[in-house]
Amino acid sequence: MSGSGFHVHAEHEHAVEHQAHMPGLGQTVAIFTAVLSTLGAILRYQGSHAQNEAMLLKNEAVLKKPRPRISGIFIRLKAARVI
């Protein structure tokens, strides 16, 4: 008889409806989880940025490092086919 517009809720339906509109543990846990995951994503992004910067600086340092010249001893040993 949905056409009559008259509907009776049972007591448990009213209690469930009332609890759904009140902030509870589930909502608190959901918000806390969302905040933690956002902070984790930000920190991971910052960490990867720092790691990339460190690799770039290391590569630049390697490129700027002077290469040792081949010594005369090494050339003589190679010519004598000792090495």
N, C-alpha and C. Protein backbone atom coordinates (compact mmCIF):
# COMPACT_ATOMS: atom_id res chain seq x y z
N MET A 1 0.81 -1.17 0.00
CA MET A 1 0.00 0.00 0.00
C MET A 1 0.87 1.25 0.00
N SER A 2 1.77 1.30 -0.93
CA SER A 2 2.65 2.44 -1.01
C SER A 2 1.95 3.67 -1.56
N GLY A 3 0.84 3.50 -2.19
CA GLY A 3 0.12 4.61 -2.79
C GLY A 3 -0.60 5.47 -1.75
N SER A 4 -0.82 4.94 -0.56
CA SER A 4 -1.57 5.70 0.44
C SER A 4 -0.71 6.74 1.14
N GLY A 5 0.64 6.64 1.06
CA GLY A 5 1.53 7.61 1.69
C GLY A 5 1.69 7.38 3.18
N PHE A 6 1.20 6.26 3.67
CA PHE A 6 1.30 5.96 5.09
C PHE A 6 2.32 4.85 5.28
N HIS A 7 3.39 5.12 6.07
CA HIS A 7 4.43 4.12 6.28
C HIS A 7 4.84 4.14 7.74
N VAL A 8 4.95 2.99 8.36
CA VAL A 8 5.33 2.88 9.77
C VAL A 8 6.73 2.30 9.85
N HIS A 9 7.64 2.98 10.57
CA HIS A 9 8.99 2.48 10.79
C HIS A 9 9.02 1.65 12.05
N ALA A 10 9.78 0.58 11.99
CA ALA A 10 9.97 -0.22 13.19
C ALA A 10 10.98 0.48 14.09
N GLU A 11 11.05 0.05 15.34
CA GLU A 11 11.94 0.69 16.31
C GLU A 11 13.41 0.57 15.92
N HIS A 12 13.81 -0.59 15.41
CA HIS A 12 15.22 -0.77 15.04
C HIS A 12 15.58 0.09 13.83
N GLU A 13 14.63 0.32 12.92
CA GLU A 13 14.91 1.19 11.78
C GLU A 13 15.12 2.62 12.24
N HIS A 14 14.37 3.04 13.21
CA HIS A 14 14.53 4.39 13.75
C HIS A 14 15.89 4.54 14.44
N ALA A 15 16.31 3.52 15.18
CA ALA A 15 17.60 3.57 15.88
C ALA A 15 18.76 3.59 14.88
N VAL A 16 18.65 2.81 13.82
CA VAL A 16 19.70 2.79 12.80
C VAL A 16 19.78 4.13 12.10
N GLU A 17 18.63 4.71 11.76
CA GLU A 17 18.59 6.02 11.11
C GLU A 17 19.18 7.09 12.02
N HIS A 18 18.88 7.02 13.29
CA HIS A 18 19.40 8.00 14.24
C HIS A 18 20.92 7.89 14.38
N GLN A 19 21.45 6.69 14.46
CA GLN A 19 22.89 6.48 14.58
C GLN A 19 23.64 6.88 13.31
N ALA A 20 23.00 6.77 12.16
CA ALA A 20 23.65 7.11 10.90
C ALA A 20 23.92 8.61 10.80
N HIS A 21 23.11 9.41 11.45
CA HIS A 21 23.28 10.85 11.39
C HIS A 21 24.20 11.40 12.47
N MET A 22 24.59 10.58 13.41
CA MET A 22 25.48 11.01 14.49
C MET A 22 26.92 10.63 14.15
N PRO A 23 27.87 11.53 14.42
CA PRO A 23 29.27 11.15 14.19
C PRO A 23 29.67 10.07 15.18
N GLY A 24 30.26 9.04 14.66
CA GLY A 24 30.64 7.93 15.52
C GLY A 24 32.05 7.48 15.26
N LEU A 25 32.35 6.30 15.73
CA LEU A 25 33.70 5.76 15.60
C LEU A 25 34.06 5.51 14.14
N GLY A 26 33.12 5.03 13.36
CA GLY A 26 33.41 4.75 11.95
C GLY A 26 33.80 5.99 11.19
N GLN A 27 33.08 7.08 11.43
CA GLN A 27 33.39 8.33 10.74
C GLN A 27 34.74 8.88 11.21
N THR A 28 35.02 8.76 12.48
CA THR A 28 36.29 9.23 13.03
C THR A 28 37.46 8.44 12.45
N VAL A 29 37.30 7.14 12.35
CA VAL A 29 38.35 6.29 11.79
C VAL A 29 38.56 6.62 10.31
N ALA A 30 37.49 6.86 9.58
CA ALA A 30 37.60 7.19 8.16
C ALA A 30 38.34 8.51 7.95
N ILE A 31 38.01 9.51 8.75
CA ILE A 31 38.68 10.81 8.62
C ILE A 31 40.16 10.69 9.02
N PHE A 32 40.44 9.98 10.10
CA PHE A 32 41.81 9.79 10.56
C PHE A 32 42.64 9.06 9.50
N THR A 33 42.05 8.04 8.88
CA THR A 33 42.75 7.30 7.84
C THR A 33 43.03 8.19 6.63
N ALA A 34 42.07 9.02 6.26
CA ALA A 34 42.27 9.92 5.13
C ALA A 34 43.37 10.94 5.40
N VAL A 35 43.40 11.47 6.61
CA VAL A 35 44.44 12.44 6.97
C VAL A 35 45.81 11.78 6.98
N LEU A 36 45.90 10.59 7.55
CA LEU A 36 47.18 9.87 7.58
C LEU A 36 47.69 9.53 6.18
N SER A 37 46.80 9.09 5.31
CA SER A 37 47.23 8.75 3.96
C SER A 37 47.67 9.98 3.19
N THR A 38 47.02 11.11 3.42
CA THR A 38 47.44 12.36 2.77
C THR A 38 48.81 12.79 3.25
N LEU A 39 49.03 12.74 4.55
CA LEU A 39 50.35 13.09 5.09
C LEU A 39 51.43 12.14 4.59
N GLY A 40 51.11 10.85 4.51
CA GLY A 40 52.07 9.88 4.00
C GLY A 40 52.43 10.15 2.55
N ALA A 41 51.45 10.53 1.74
CA ALA A 41 51.73 10.83 0.34
C ALA A 41 52.61 12.07 0.21
N ILE A 42 52.36 13.07 1.02
CA ILE A 42 53.17 14.30 0.97
C ILE A 42 54.60 14.00 1.39
N LEU A 43 54.77 13.25 2.47
CA LEU A 43 56.12 12.93 2.94
C LEU A 43 56.87 12.05 1.94
N ARG A 44 56.17 11.14 1.30
CA ARG A 44 56.83 10.29 0.30
C ARG A 44 57.28 11.12 -0.90
N TYR A 45 56.45 12.07 -1.30
CA TYR A 45 56.82 12.95 -2.41
C TYR A 45 58.05 13.76 -2.06
N GLN A 46 58.08 14.32 -0.86
CA GLN A 46 59.22 15.12 -0.43
C GLN A 46 60.49 14.26 -0.34
N GLY A 47 60.35 13.04 0.15
CA GLY A 47 61.50 12.14 0.26
C GLY A 47 62.06 11.75 -1.09
N SER A 48 61.18 11.48 -2.04
CA SER A 48 61.67 11.12 -3.37
C SER A 48 62.32 12.32 -4.05
N HIS A 49 61.82 13.50 -3.78
CA HIS A 49 62.43 14.71 -4.35
C HIS A 49 63.85 14.89 -3.79
N ALA A 50 64.01 14.69 -2.49
CA ALA A 50 65.33 14.82 -1.87
C ALA A 50 66.29 13.75 -2.41
N GLN A 51 65.78 12.56 -2.62
CA GLN A 51 66.62 11.48 -3.13
C GLN A 51 67.07 11.78 -4.56
N ASN A 52 66.19 12.29 -5.39
CA ASN A 52 66.56 12.66 -6.76
C ASN A 52 67.58 13.78 -6.77
N GLU A 53 67.41 14.74 -5.90
CA GLU A 53 68.36 15.86 -5.82
C GLU A 53 69.74 15.35 -5.40
N ALA A 54 69.78 14.41 -4.45
CA ALA A 54 71.06 13.85 -4.01
C ALA A 54 71.75 13.10 -5.15
N MET A 55 70.98 12.35 -5.94
CA MET A 55 71.58 11.63 -7.06
C MET A 55 72.14 12.59 -8.10
N LEU A 56 71.42 13.68 -8.38
CA LEU A 56 71.91 14.65 -9.34
C LEU A 56 73.21 15.30 -8.86
N LEU A 57 73.26 15.65 -7.57
CA LEU A 57 74.48 16.26 -7.03
C LEU A 57 75.65 15.28 -7.07
N LYS A 58 75.37 14.01 -6.79
CA LYS A 58 76.43 12.99 -6.83
C LYS A 58 76.96 12.85 -8.26
N ASN A 59 76.06 12.81 -9.23
CA ASN A 59 76.48 12.67 -10.62
C ASN A 59 77.30 13.87 -11.08
N GLU A 60 76.90 15.06 -10.66
CA GLU A 60 77.67 16.26 -11.01
C GLU A 60 79.06 16.22 -10.38
N ALA A 61 79.15 15.73 -9.14
CA ALA A 61 80.44 15.63 -8.47
C ALA A 61 81.36 14.63 -9.18
N VAL A 62 80.79 13.55 -9.65
CA VAL A 62 81.59 12.55 -10.37
C VAL A 62 82.10 13.14 -11.68
N LEU A 63 81.26 13.90 -12.35
CA LEU A 63 81.69 14.50 -13.62
C LEU A 63 82.77 15.56 -13.42
N LYS A 64 82.73 16.26 -12.30
CA LYS A 64 83.71 17.31 -12.05
C LYS A 64 85.02 16.76 -11.47
N LYS A 65 85.01 15.51 -11.04
CA LYS A 65 86.20 14.91 -10.42
C LYS A 65 87.30 14.78 -11.47
N PRO A 66 88.52 15.24 -11.16
CA PRO A 66 89.60 15.15 -12.14
C PRO A 66 90.02 13.69 -12.34
N ARG A 67 90.24 13.35 -13.59
CA ARG A 67 90.66 11.99 -13.90
C ARG A 67 92.18 11.88 -13.76
N PRO A 68 92.64 10.80 -13.15
CA PRO A 68 94.10 10.65 -13.00
C PRO A 68 94.76 10.42 -14.35
N ARG A 69 95.91 10.99 -14.52
CA ARG A 69 96.65 10.81 -15.77
C ARG A 69 97.37 9.46 -15.74
N ILE A 70 97.53 8.90 -16.89
CA ILE A 70 98.23 7.62 -16.98
C ILE A 70 99.70 7.88 -16.72
N SER A 71 100.23 7.18 -15.76
CA SER A 71 101.63 7.41 -15.40
C SER A 71 102.58 6.76 -16.40
N GLY A 72 103.79 7.26 -16.39
CA GLY A 72 104.81 6.73 -17.28
C GLY A 72 105.12 5.28 -17.00
N ILE A 73 105.03 4.86 -15.75
CA ILE A 73 105.32 3.47 -15.39
C ILE A 73 104.29 2.55 -16.05
N PHE A 74 103.04 2.95 -16.00
CA PHE A 74 101.99 2.14 -16.60
C PHE A 74 102.20 2.01 -18.11
N ILE A 75 102.59 3.11 -18.74
CA ILE A 75 102.83 3.07 -20.19
C ILE A 75 103.99 2.15 -20.53
N ARG A 76 105.08 2.22 -19.73
CA ARG A 76 106.24 1.36 -20.00
C ARG A 76 105.89 -0.11 -19.77
N LEU A 77 105.11 -0.41 -18.72
CA LEU A 77 104.75 -1.80 -18.47
C LEU A 77 103.85 -2.34 -19.59
N LYS A 78 102.97 -1.50 -20.05
CA LYS A 78 102.09 -1.92 -21.13
C LYS A 78 102.89 -2.14 -22.42
N ALA A 79 103.86 -1.28 -22.66
CA ALA A 79 104.70 -1.43 -23.86
C ALA A 79 105.52 -2.72 -23.78
N ALA A 80 105.93 -3.07 -22.57
CA ALA A 80 106.71 -4.31 -22.39
C ALA A 80 105.78 -5.53 -22.30
N ARG A 81 104.50 -5.30 -22.41
CA ARG A 81 103.46 -6.34 -22.36
C ARG A 81 103.47 -7.12 -21.04
N VAL A 82 103.74 -6.42 -19.98
CA VAL A 82 103.66 -7.02 -18.66
C VAL A 82 102.20 -6.99 -18.18
N ILE A 83 101.50 -5.97 -18.58
CA ILE A 83 100.09 -5.83 -18.16
C ILE A 83 99.20 -6.33 -19.27
